[in-house]
């Protein structure tokens, strides 16, 4: 739904979407490094690493796959 909003508002929606979500991903990666969940240092490091992996996978997946799949005609014919 967010990508559709970008398409209706911006002329170059792919570039704007990639720029916004890439900057959001970088921001969330930066904020993930300062997360303090518990007093145990080992658990904090493990939690940060797991959260960092999730943020990177979701952010890069959104930046690459949403515009790619939306603009792919074979995907829209087969799946949608």
C-alpha atoms as a PDB file:
ATOM      1  CA  UNK A   1       0.000   0.000   0.000  1.00  0.00           C
ATOM      2  CA  UNK A   2       2.887   2.354   0.715  1.00  0.00           C
ATOM      3  CA  UNK A   3       4.425   1.652  -2.685  1.00  0.00           C
ATOM      4  CA  UNK A   4       1.090   2.349  -4.373  1.00  0.00           C
ATOM      5  CA  UNK A   5       0.972   5.672  -2.537  1.00  0.00           C
ATOM      6  CA  UNK A   6       4.430   6.483  -3.884  1.00  0.00           C
ATOM      7  CA  UNK A   7       3.280   5.617  -7.404  1.00  0.00           C
ATOM      8  CA  UNK A   8       0.292   7.941  -7.199  1.00  0.00           C
ATOM      9  CA  UNK A   9       2.200  10.857  -5.633  1.00  0.00           C
ATOM     10  CA  UNK A  10       5.654  10.840  -7.240  1.00  0.00           C
ATOM     11  CA  UNK A  11       6.609  10.878 -10.892  1.00  0.00           C
ATOM     12  CA  UNK A  12       9.699   8.711 -10.306  1.00  0.00           C
ATOM     13  CA  UNK A  13       8.130   6.482  -7.683  1.00  0.00           C
ATOM     14  CA  UNK A  14      10.728   3.700  -7.822  1.00  0.00           C
ATOM     15  CA  UNK A  15      13.611   6.038  -7.050  1.00  0.00           C
ATOM     16  CA  UNK A  16      11.712   7.819  -4.286  1.00  0.00           C
ATOM     17  CA  UNK A  17      10.601   4.540  -2.706  1.00  0.00           C
ATOM     18  CA  UNK A  18      14.110   3.082  -2.803  1.00  0.00           C
ATOM     19  CA  UNK A  19      15.609   6.261  -1.376  1.00  0.00           C
ATOM     20  CA  UNK A  20      13.099   6.507   1.482  1.00  0.00           C
ATOM     21  CA  UNK A  21      13.225   2.858   2.449  1.00  0.00           C
ATOM     22  CA  UNK A  22      16.991   2.630   2.106  1.00  0.00           C
ATOM     23  CA  UNK A  23      17.359   5.604   4.436  1.00  0.00           C
ATOM     24  CA  UNK A  24      14.853   4.050   6.860  1.00  0.00           C
ATOM     25  CA  UNK A  25      16.810   0.800   6.802  1.00  0.00           C
ATOM     26  CA  UNK A  26      20.059   2.615   7.537  1.00  0.00           C
ATOM     27  CA  UNK A  27      18.369   4.543  10.357  1.00  0.00           C
ATOM     28  CA  UNK A  28      16.970   1.368  11.922  1.00  0.00           C
ATOM     29  CA  UNK A  29      20.325  -0.408  11.634  1.00  0.00           C
ATOM     30  CA  UNK A  30      21.923   2.535  13.422  1.00  0.00           C
ATOM     31  CA  UNK A  31      19.274   2.476  16.157  1.00  0.00           C
ATOM     32  CA  UNK A  32      19.576  -1.293  16.527  1.00  0.00           C
ATOM     33  CA  UNK A  33      23.175  -0.883  17.664  1.00  0.00           C
ATOM     34  CA  UNK A  34      22.122   1.018  20.798  1.00  0.00           C
ATOM     35  CA  UNK A  35      19.294  -1.282  21.934  1.00  0.00           C
ATOM     36  CA  UNK A  36      19.610  -2.253  25.588  1.00  0.00           C
ATOM     37  CA  UNK A  37      17.230  -5.049  26.458  1.00  0.00           C
ATOM     38  CA  UNK A  38      18.659  -6.613  29.627  1.00  0.00           C
ATOM     39  CA  UNK A  39      21.509  -6.266  32.119  1.00  0.00           C
ATOM     40  CA  UNK A  40      23.213  -9.413  30.820  1.00  0.00           C
ATOM     41  CA  UNK A  41      25.766  -8.285  28.226  1.00  0.00           C
ATOM     42  CA  UNK A  42      25.809 -11.617  26.367  1.00  0.00           C
ATOM     43  CA  UNK A  43      22.032 -11.580  25.893  1.00  0.00           C
ATOM     44  CA  UNK A  44      22.193  -7.956  24.731  1.00  0.00           C
ATOM     45  CA  UNK A  45      24.770  -8.780  22.059  1.00  0.00           C
ATOM     46  CA  UNK A  46      22.816 -11.834  20.884  1.00  0.00           C
ATOM     47  CA  UNK A  47      19.574  -9.852  20.762  1.00  0.00           C
ATOM     48  CA  UNK A  48      21.211  -7.019  18.799  1.00  0.00           C
ATOM     49  CA  UNK A  49      22.644  -9.451  16.271  1.00  0.00           C
ATOM     50  CA  UNK A  50      19.298 -11.165  15.741  1.00  0.00           C
ATOM     51  CA  UNK A  51      17.443  -7.847  15.483  1.00  0.00           C
ATOM     52  CA  UNK A  52      20.059  -6.490  13.100  1.00  0.00           C
ATOM     53  CA  UNK A  53      19.591  -9.509  10.829  1.00  0.00           C
ATOM     54  CA  UNK A  54      15.829  -9.075  10.790  1.00  0.00           C
ATOM     55  CA  UNK A  55      16.069  -5.341  10.057  1.00  0.00           C
ATOM     56  CA  UNK A  56      18.555  -5.908   7.218  1.00  0.00           C
ATOM     57  CA  UNK A  57      16.551  -8.723   5.623  1.00  0.00           C
ATOM     58  CA  UNK A  58      13.277  -6.793   5.738  1.00  0.00           C
ATOM     59  CA  UNK A  59      14.815  -3.489   4.652  1.00  0.00           C
ATOM     60  CA  UNK A  60      16.805  -4.857   1.733  1.00  0.00           C
ATOM     61  CA  UNK A  61      13.887  -7.073   0.743  1.00  0.00           C
ATOM     62  CA  UNK A  62      11.566  -4.076   0.642  1.00  0.00           C
ATOM     63  CA  UNK A  63      14.031  -1.930  -1.293  1.00  0.00           C
ATOM     64  CA  UNK A  64      14.735  -4.578  -3.933  1.00  0.00           C
ATOM     65  CA  UNK A  65      11.749  -6.879  -4.249  1.00  0.00           C
ATOM     66  CA  UNK A  66       8.707  -4.605  -3.987  1.00  0.00           C
ATOM     67  CA  UNK A  67       9.571  -2.403  -7.007  1.00  0.00           C
ATOM     68  CA  UNK A  68      10.959  -5.387  -8.899  1.00  0.00           C
ATOM     69  CA  UNK A  69       7.849  -7.509  -8.472  1.00  0.00           C
ATOM     70  CA  UNK A  70       5.469  -4.623  -9.116  1.00  0.00           C
ATOM     71  CA  UNK A  71       7.104  -3.811 -12.453  1.00  0.00           C
ATOM     72  CA  UNK A  72       7.457  -7.453 -13.559  1.00  0.00           C
ATOM     73  CA  UNK A  73       4.721  -8.286 -16.099  1.00  0.00           C
ATOM     74  CA  UNK A  74       5.174 -12.060 -15.858  1.00  0.00           C
ATOM     75  CA  UNK A  75       4.717 -11.891 -12.062  1.00  0.00           C
ATOM     76  CA  UNK A  76       1.552  -9.837 -12.404  1.00  0.00           C
ATOM     77  CA  UNK A  77       0.094 -12.185 -15.020  1.00  0.00           C
ATOM     78  CA  UNK A  78       0.973 -15.372 -13.146  1.00  0.00           C
ATOM     79  CA  UNK A  79       0.397 -14.426  -9.516  1.00  0.00           C
ATOM     80  CA  UNK A  80      -1.997 -11.519  -9.576  1.00  0.00           C
END
